[in-house]
Protein backbone atom coordinates (compact mmCIF):
# COMPACT_ATOMS: atom_id res chain seq x y z
CA MET A 1 -27.68 39.67 -13.44
CA GLY A 2 -23.63 38.12 -13.04
CA LEU A 3 -20.40 39.88 -14.83
CA ASN A 4 -20.18 39.52 -18.60
CA THR A 5 -16.29 37.66 -18.80
CA TYR A 6 -14.56 36.02 -21.15
CA LEU A 7 -13.06 32.27 -20.92
CA GLY A 8 -9.49 31.30 -21.85
CA ILE A 9 -8.28 27.87 -21.57
CA ASP A 10 -4.71 27.23 -22.26
CA VAL A 11 -3.87 22.59 -21.93
CA GLY A 12 -0.59 22.01 -22.06
CA SER A 13 1.53 18.56 -21.57
CA VAL A 14 2.16 19.48 -17.94
CA THR A 15 -0.59 21.89 -16.57
CA THR A 16 -3.40 22.68 -17.49
CA LYS A 17 -4.41 26.56 -17.30
CA LEU A 18 -8.06 28.79 -17.71
CA ALA A 19 -8.75 32.06 -16.96
CA LEU A 20 -11.15 34.90 -17.03
CA VAL A 21 -11.27 38.26 -18.25
CA ASP A 22 -14.09 41.01 -18.44
CA GLU A 23 -14.67 43.21 -20.97
CA ASN A 24 -12.14 45.27 -20.70
CA GLY A 25 -9.87 42.37 -20.65
CA LYS A 26 -8.82 42.87 -17.29
CA HIS A 27 -7.93 39.31 -15.22
CA VAL A 28 -10.98 38.87 -13.52
CA ASP A 29 -9.87 34.93 -11.68
CA SER A 30 -7.78 31.86 -13.15
CA CYS A 31 -6.57 28.39 -12.03
CA MET A 32 -3.42 26.46 -12.94
CA LEU A 33 -3.43 22.51 -12.29
CA ARG A 34 -1.68 19.58 -13.35
CA THR A 35 -3.03 17.82 -17.16
CA ALA A 36 -1.15 14.62 -15.39
CA GLY A 37 -2.03 13.07 -18.87
CA LYS A 38 -5.97 13.62 -18.84
CA PRO A 39 -6.59 16.88 -20.14
CA VAL A 40 -10.25 16.06 -20.16
CA ILE A 41 -10.36 15.42 -16.52
CA ALA A 42 -7.98 18.67 -15.78
CA VAL A 43 -10.68 20.79 -18.10
CA GLN A 44 -13.50 19.73 -16.26
CA LYS A 45 -11.60 19.79 -12.80
CA GLY A 46 -10.39 23.51 -13.43
CA LEU A 47 -14.21 24.33 -15.19
CA GLN A 48 -15.05 23.36 -11.71
CA ILE A 49 -12.85 25.51 -9.27
CA LEU A 50 -13.95 28.91 -11.40
CA LYS A 51 -17.26 28.02 -10.78
CA ASN A 52 -16.72 27.29 -7.25
CA GLN A 53 -14.55 30.21 -6.04
CA ALA A 54 -16.39 32.65 -7.66
CA LYS A 55 -17.71 36.16 -6.36
CA CYS A 56 -20.99 36.27 -8.47
CA GLU A 57 -22.55 34.88 -11.80
CA TYR A 58 -20.28 34.90 -14.59
CA ASN A 59 -22.22 35.34 -17.70
CA VAL A 60 -19.37 34.17 -20.57
CA CYS A 61 -19.95 35.38 -23.70
CA GLY A 62 -16.84 34.06 -25.66
CA VAL A 63 -14.29 30.95 -25.63
CA GLY A 64 -10.91 30.45 -26.73
CA THR A 65 -8.01 27.85 -26.22
CA THR A 66 -4.85 26.88 -26.86
CA GLY A 67 -2.18 24.57 -25.86
CA SER A 68 -1.02 21.35 -27.03
CA GLY A 69 -4.20 20.61 -26.13
CA ARG A 70 -6.42 23.42 -27.67
CA ASN A 71 -8.65 21.14 -30.04
CA LEU A 72 -9.79 19.19 -27.26
CA ALA A 73 -10.73 21.83 -24.98
CA GLY A 74 -12.42 23.59 -27.93
CA ALA A 75 -14.77 20.32 -28.74
CA LEU A 76 -15.41 19.76 -24.38
CA VAL A 77 -16.54 23.05 -23.62
CA GLY A 78 -17.98 24.63 -27.36
CA ALA A 79 -14.89 27.57 -27.67
CA ASP A 80 -15.40 30.19 -30.25
CA VAL A 81 -11.31 30.70 -31.27
CA ILE A 82 -9.17 27.95 -31.00
CA LYS A 83 -5.39 29.37 -31.60
CA ASN A 84 -2.28 28.36 -31.08
CA GLU A 85 0.64 29.32 -28.10
CA ILE A 86 2.43 31.84 -30.49
CA THR A 87 -0.50 34.11 -31.05
CA ALA A 88 -1.90 33.73 -27.22
CA HIS A 89 1.16 34.64 -25.31
CA ALA A 90 1.63 37.89 -28.26
CA VAL A 91 -1.47 39.59 -27.68
CA ALA A 92 -1.45 38.63 -23.81
CA ALA A 93 1.80 39.80 -23.26
CA SER A 94 1.03 42.83 -25.71
CA THR A 95 -1.91 43.48 -23.45
CA TYR A 96 -0.45 43.47 -19.81
CA VAL A 97 3.82 44.45 -20.58
CA GLU A 98 3.19 47.76 -21.72
CA GLY A 99 5.63 48.59 -24.64
CA VAL A 100 6.51 44.65 -24.82
CA GLN A 101 8.88 43.79 -27.61
CA THR A 102 10.57 40.12 -26.64
CA ILE A 103 9.05 37.50 -25.12
CA LEU A 104 10.59 34.56 -22.93
CA GLU A 105 8.12 31.55 -22.41
CA ILE A 106 9.22 28.06 -20.79
CA GLY A 107 6.69 25.57 -19.56
CA GLY A 108 7.38 22.17 -18.54
CA GLN A 109 7.65 20.60 -21.80
CA ASP A 110 9.01 23.15 -24.54
CA SER A 111 9.91 26.81 -24.98
CA LYS A 112 9.00 29.58 -27.17
CA ILE A 113 10.87 33.28 -28.25
CA ILE A 114 8.27 36.00 -29.89
CA ILE A 115 9.57 39.27 -30.82
CA LEU A 116 7.23 41.97 -31.44
CA ARG A 117 7.48 45.49 -32.88
CA ASP A 118 4.89 47.90 -32.63
CA GLY A 119 2.38 44.81 -30.74
CA ILE A 120 2.74 42.61 -34.22
CA VAL A 121 4.93 39.07 -34.06
CA THR A 122 7.71 39.14 -36.58
CA ASP A 123 9.47 36.25 -35.74
CA PHE A 124 9.43 32.93 -33.79
CA ALA A 125 10.89 29.62 -32.92
CA MET A 126 9.77 27.17 -30.62
CA ASN A 127 11.99 24.20 -28.81
CA THR A 128 10.30 20.88 -28.52
CA VAL A 129 13.00 18.51 -28.72
CA CYS A 130 15.62 19.28 -26.65
CA ALA A 131 14.54 18.78 -22.48
CA ALA A 132 17.91 20.38 -21.19
CA GLY A 133 15.82 23.96 -22.20
CA THR A 134 12.38 23.28 -19.93
CA GLY A 135 11.14 23.90 -16.62
CA SER A 136 10.74 19.29 -16.37
CA PHE A 137 14.86 19.84 -16.44
CA LEU A 138 15.04 21.58 -13.60
CA ASP A 139 12.40 19.83 -11.95
CA GLN A 140 14.71 17.02 -12.26
CA GLN A 141 18.12 18.44 -11.27
CA ALA A 142 16.02 20.26 -7.91
CA SER A 143 15.06 16.37 -7.37
CA ARG A 144 18.21 15.03 -7.84
CA LEU A 145 19.80 17.46 -5.05
CA ASN A 146 17.12 16.71 -2.81
CA VAL A 147 15.82 20.72 -3.39
CA PRO A 148 12.15 21.49 -3.36
CA ILE A 149 11.13 23.36 -6.67
CA GLU A 150 9.90 26.07 -4.50
CA GLU A 151 13.17 26.64 -2.87
CA PHE A 152 15.36 26.41 -5.98
CA GLY A 153 15.71 30.27 -6.58
CA PRO A 154 16.24 31.70 -3.97
CA THR A 155 18.96 29.30 -2.99
CA ALA A 156 20.46 29.77 -6.54
CA LEU A 157 20.65 33.88 -5.39
CA LYS A 158 22.96 32.78 -3.26
CA SER A 159 25.67 31.30 -5.13
CA THR A 160 29.22 33.11 -5.33
CA SER A 161 30.68 31.30 -7.81
CA PRO A 162 27.82 29.84 -9.63
CA ALA A 163 29.54 25.60 -11.56
CA ARG A 164 29.81 25.69 -15.10
CA ILE A 165 27.65 23.51 -16.20
CA ALA A 166 27.31 21.40 -19.48
CA GLY A 167 23.69 23.06 -21.00
CA ARG A 168 23.61 21.83 -24.57
CA CYS A 169 21.69 18.37 -23.80
CA GLY A 170 19.81 17.32 -21.16
CA VAL A 171 22.10 13.88 -20.93
CA PHE A 172 25.64 16.14 -20.50
CA ALA A 173 23.70 18.31 -18.16
CA GLU A 174 23.18 16.01 -15.67
CA SER A 175 25.89 13.39 -15.90
CA ASP A 176 28.17 17.34 -15.74
CA LEU A 177 25.50 18.28 -12.41
CA ILE A 178 26.65 14.47 -10.53
CA HIS A 179 30.53 15.16 -11.47
CA LYS A 180 30.18 18.60 -9.75
CA GLN A 181 28.15 17.44 -6.90
CA GLN A 182 31.51 14.51 -6.17
CA LEU A 183 33.80 17.25 -6.28
CA GLY A 184 31.86 19.14 -3.22
CA TYR A 185 30.38 21.98 -5.44
CA PRO A 186 28.18 23.67 -2.79
CA VAL A 187 24.26 23.54 -3.59
CA GLU A 188 23.36 26.73 -4.54
CA ASP A 189 26.10 27.29 -6.93
CA LEU A 190 25.34 24.09 -8.60
CA LEU A 191 21.64 25.87 -8.96
CA TYR A 192 22.53 28.82 -10.72
CA GLY A 193 25.06 26.81 -12.59
CA LEU A 194 21.92 25.03 -13.93
CA CYS A 195 20.06 28.13 -14.33
CA GLN A 196 23.33 29.79 -15.91
CA ALA A 197 22.90 26.38 -18.34
CA LEU A 198 19.31 26.47 -19.24
CA VAL A 199 19.22 30.30 -20.40
CA ARG A 200 22.62 29.17 -22.53
CA ASN A 201 20.86 26.54 -24.13
CA TYR A 202 17.62 28.81 -24.55
CA LEU A 203 19.07 31.58 -26.69
CA SER A 204 21.63 29.52 -28.39
CA ASN A 205 18.64 27.43 -29.69
CA LEU A 206 16.49 29.98 -29.90
CA ALA A 207 17.63 33.12 -30.06
CA LEU A 208 20.25 32.98 -32.88
CA GLY A 209 19.98 35.73 -34.82
CA LYS A 210 17.21 37.64 -33.23
CA GLU A 211 17.47 41.17 -32.20
CA LEU A 212 16.25 40.48 -28.42
CA LEU A 213 14.91 44.38 -27.88
CA PRO A 214 13.71 45.41 -24.77
CA ILE A 215 11.36 45.63 -22.92
CA VAL A 216 11.29 41.87 -22.55
CA SER A 217 8.88 39.73 -20.37
CA PHE A 218 9.32 36.45 -19.64
CA GLN A 219 6.22 33.82 -19.05
CA GLY A 220 5.19 29.79 -17.94
CA GLY A 221 5.69 28.18 -15.24
CA VAL A 222 9.52 28.38 -15.09
CA ALA A 223 9.22 32.89 -14.59
CA THR A 224 8.40 32.06 -10.99
CA ASN A 225 12.10 30.62 -10.37
CA VAL A 226 13.81 33.81 -9.07
CA GLY A 227 16.87 32.81 -9.82
CA MET A 228 16.32 32.04 -13.66
CA VAL A 229 15.25 35.61 -13.95
CA LYS A 230 18.80 36.97 -12.60
CA ALA A 231 20.23 34.57 -14.71
CA PHE A 232 18.54 35.95 -17.99
CA GLU A 233 19.00 39.34 -16.93
CA GLU A 234 22.69 38.95 -16.66
CA ALA A 235 22.48 37.37 -19.97
CA LEU A 236 20.52 39.42 -21.83
CA GLY A 237 21.96 42.94 -20.04
CA CYS A 238 18.35 44.40 -19.86
CA GLU A 239 15.58 44.10 -16.31
CA VAL A 240 13.35 41.07 -17.25
CA VAL A 241 9.48 41.88 -16.68
CA VAL A 242 7.33 39.16 -15.00
CA PRO A 243 4.06 39.11 -14.96
CA GLU A 244 1.60 38.83 -12.68
CA ASN A 245 0.21 36.44 -14.00
CA HIS A 246 3.00 35.19 -16.26
CA GLN A 247 1.92 31.28 -15.30
CA THR A 248 -1.89 31.62 -17.11
CA MET A 249 -0.46 33.98 -20.12
CA GLY A 250 -1.46 31.27 -22.38
CA ALA A 251 -4.85 30.76 -20.61
CA LEU A 252 -5.21 34.69 -20.63
CA GLY A 253 -4.75 35.20 -24.01
CA ALA A 254 -6.62 32.86 -25.41
CA ALA A 255 -9.38 34.82 -22.83
CA LEU A 256 -8.73 37.92 -24.87
CA LEU A 257 -9.14 36.29 -28.15
CA GLY A 258 -12.70 35.20 -27.32
CA MET A 259 -13.73 38.78 -26.72
CA GLU A 260 -11.59 40.28 -29.15
CA ASN A 261 -13.90 37.74 -31.56
CA HIS A 262 -17.31 38.15 -29.74
CA GLN A 263 -16.95 41.81 -30.04
CA TYR A 264 -16.01 41.86 -33.65
CA THR A 265 -18.27 39.40 -34.67
CA GLN A 266 -21.41 39.79 -31.93
CA LYS A 267 -22.16 36.25 -32.05
CA GLN A 268 -23.55 33.84 -29.70
CA THR A 269 -21.01 32.09 -27.66
CA SER A 270 -21.11 28.57 -28.55
CA PHE A 271 -20.17 27.65 -24.62
CA LYS A 272 -21.97 25.02 -23.32
CA GLY A 273 -21.56 25.94 -19.70
CA PHE A 274 -19.76 25.46 -16.67
CA GLU A 275 -21.88 22.24 -16.42
CA VAL A 276 -19.45 20.57 -18.86
CA GLY A 277 -17.05 19.74 -15.81
CA GLU A 278 -20.31 17.39 -14.72
CA MET A 279 -20.40 15.84 -17.85
CA HIS A 280 -19.00 12.43 -18.22
CA PHE A 281 -17.01 12.01 -21.97
CA ASN A 282 -15.11 8.94 -22.88
CA SER A 283 -12.51 8.23 -25.79
CA VAL A 284 -12.03 5.97 -27.78
CA THR A 285 -9.09 5.38 -30.82
CA HIS A 286 -8.84 3.14 -33.57
CA GLN A 287 -6.47 2.76 -36.85
CA CYS A 288 -7.90 3.23 -40.10
CA SER A 289 -7.01 0.88 -42.76
CA ASP A 290 -9.27 1.95 -45.68
CA CYS A 291 -5.76 3.38 -46.96
CA SER A 292 -1.86 3.06 -47.01
CA ASN A 293 -1.64 5.72 -44.22
CA ASN A 294 -3.20 3.67 -41.35
CA CYS A 295 -4.64 6.97 -39.38
CA GLU A 296 -5.05 6.83 -35.53
CA VAL A 297 -8.76 8.23 -35.47
CA ILE A 298 -9.59 9.52 -32.14
CA THR A 299 -13.06 10.11 -31.10
CA ILE A 300 -14.18 11.92 -27.90
CA VAL A 301 -18.25 10.04 -26.89
CA GLU A 302 -20.38 12.75 -24.59
CA GLY A 303 -22.26 10.61 -22.37
CA ASP A 304 -23.05 7.87 -19.52
CA LEU A 305 -22.94 5.34 -23.17
CA PRO A 306 -20.46 2.59 -22.90
CA VAL A 307 -17.18 3.63 -25.24
CA PRO A 308 -18.31 1.85 -28.79
CA HIS A 309 -15.71 -1.01 -29.91
CA PRO A 310 -13.30 0.67 -32.32
CA GLU A 311 -14.35 -1.74 -34.74
CA LYS A 312 -18.30 -0.01 -34.08
CA ILE A 313 -17.02 3.56 -34.04
CA LYS A 314 -18.24 4.31 -37.15
CA ASP A 315 -21.70 3.16 -36.66
CA VAL A 316 -21.89 5.62 -33.22
CA LYS A 317 -24.18 8.97 -33.97
CA GLY A 318 -25.36 11.77 -32.11
CA ASN A 319 -23.15 11.76 -29.35
CA ILE A 320 -19.93 12.15 -30.67
CA ILE A 321 -18.41 15.63 -29.82
CA ALA A 322 -15.55 15.77 -31.99
CA ARG A 323 -12.82 13.00 -34.06
CA TRP A 324 -9.42 13.99 -35.34
CA GLY A 325 -6.21 12.19 -36.36
CA GLY A 326 -7.60 11.98 -40.29
CA THR A 327 -5.89 12.53 -42.85
CA CYS A 328 -8.35 12.68 -46.29
CA GLY A 329 -11.01 14.33 -44.11
CA LYS A 330 -13.24 11.38 -44.37
CA TRP A 331 -13.33 10.75 -40.54
CA ASP A 332 -14.22 14.70 -39.99
CA ILE A 333 -17.44 15.81 -37.72
CA SER A 334 -18.59 18.84 -38.58
């Protein structure tokens, strides 16, 4: 018979997450893998992983996608709902963290804060510019200090006198770290100093003027770092909750949105099946010179056909599954 499930896909710049929930919104399975600059392949591998580790047959009744690659993922798998990360994280947190009012989310390349009141998003902010407020900043500095990222948090917790590191800018933070390192600061004090610097950067950039009330949920890959959790708790003066599936909360939120859409509309899903993981896709980019906008248009072609030359892309019929990048709509496909 199989288990009725809903699939959520969160395609980020660093990692791609997939998650399945049942008809009650309970977590069934999930996986996370590196995007590695190839979101199509990451989504396909994720589908293969879920299929291979399934303990029973999954009947996917609805699909939602989110993240920076949500439109691409939606076109590939046949999504029923395509939503931004703010909505997905808010839905997941309000479902799995009872009474949540503040969501802290730090990913590899960006970070965001979401304010919830009575389960409704009342305010949010995103940082997609400053590297010092993201997980990649911690990765780079851990590598500089020759500390495996898995040991970053536990080592940072051993600090008794954390170094004061300038965290307003990634470049200044790095030079400050090198200076402190040359002065002979212990590694644990440098690591926890980095945690505090990132927290200061995050709060000064994103939380300014916002009322951060408990319950506070910390989501995203950086929430695995116990040093970051402690630094946030010190700065906020309250407990910070790290959900069980904190790394895949975006995907879980997308799955819940797919479930909500299906239960409300009762429409049959557009999901193309786990077989998408075995399909072949090609992409081609061309510049439209029909007006002064000079739009870069991306076309995704399904199948084993050779990638058409950009000048011939207009003539390709039938096997185009997605196209975007145009401003006027002339390149859109239905």
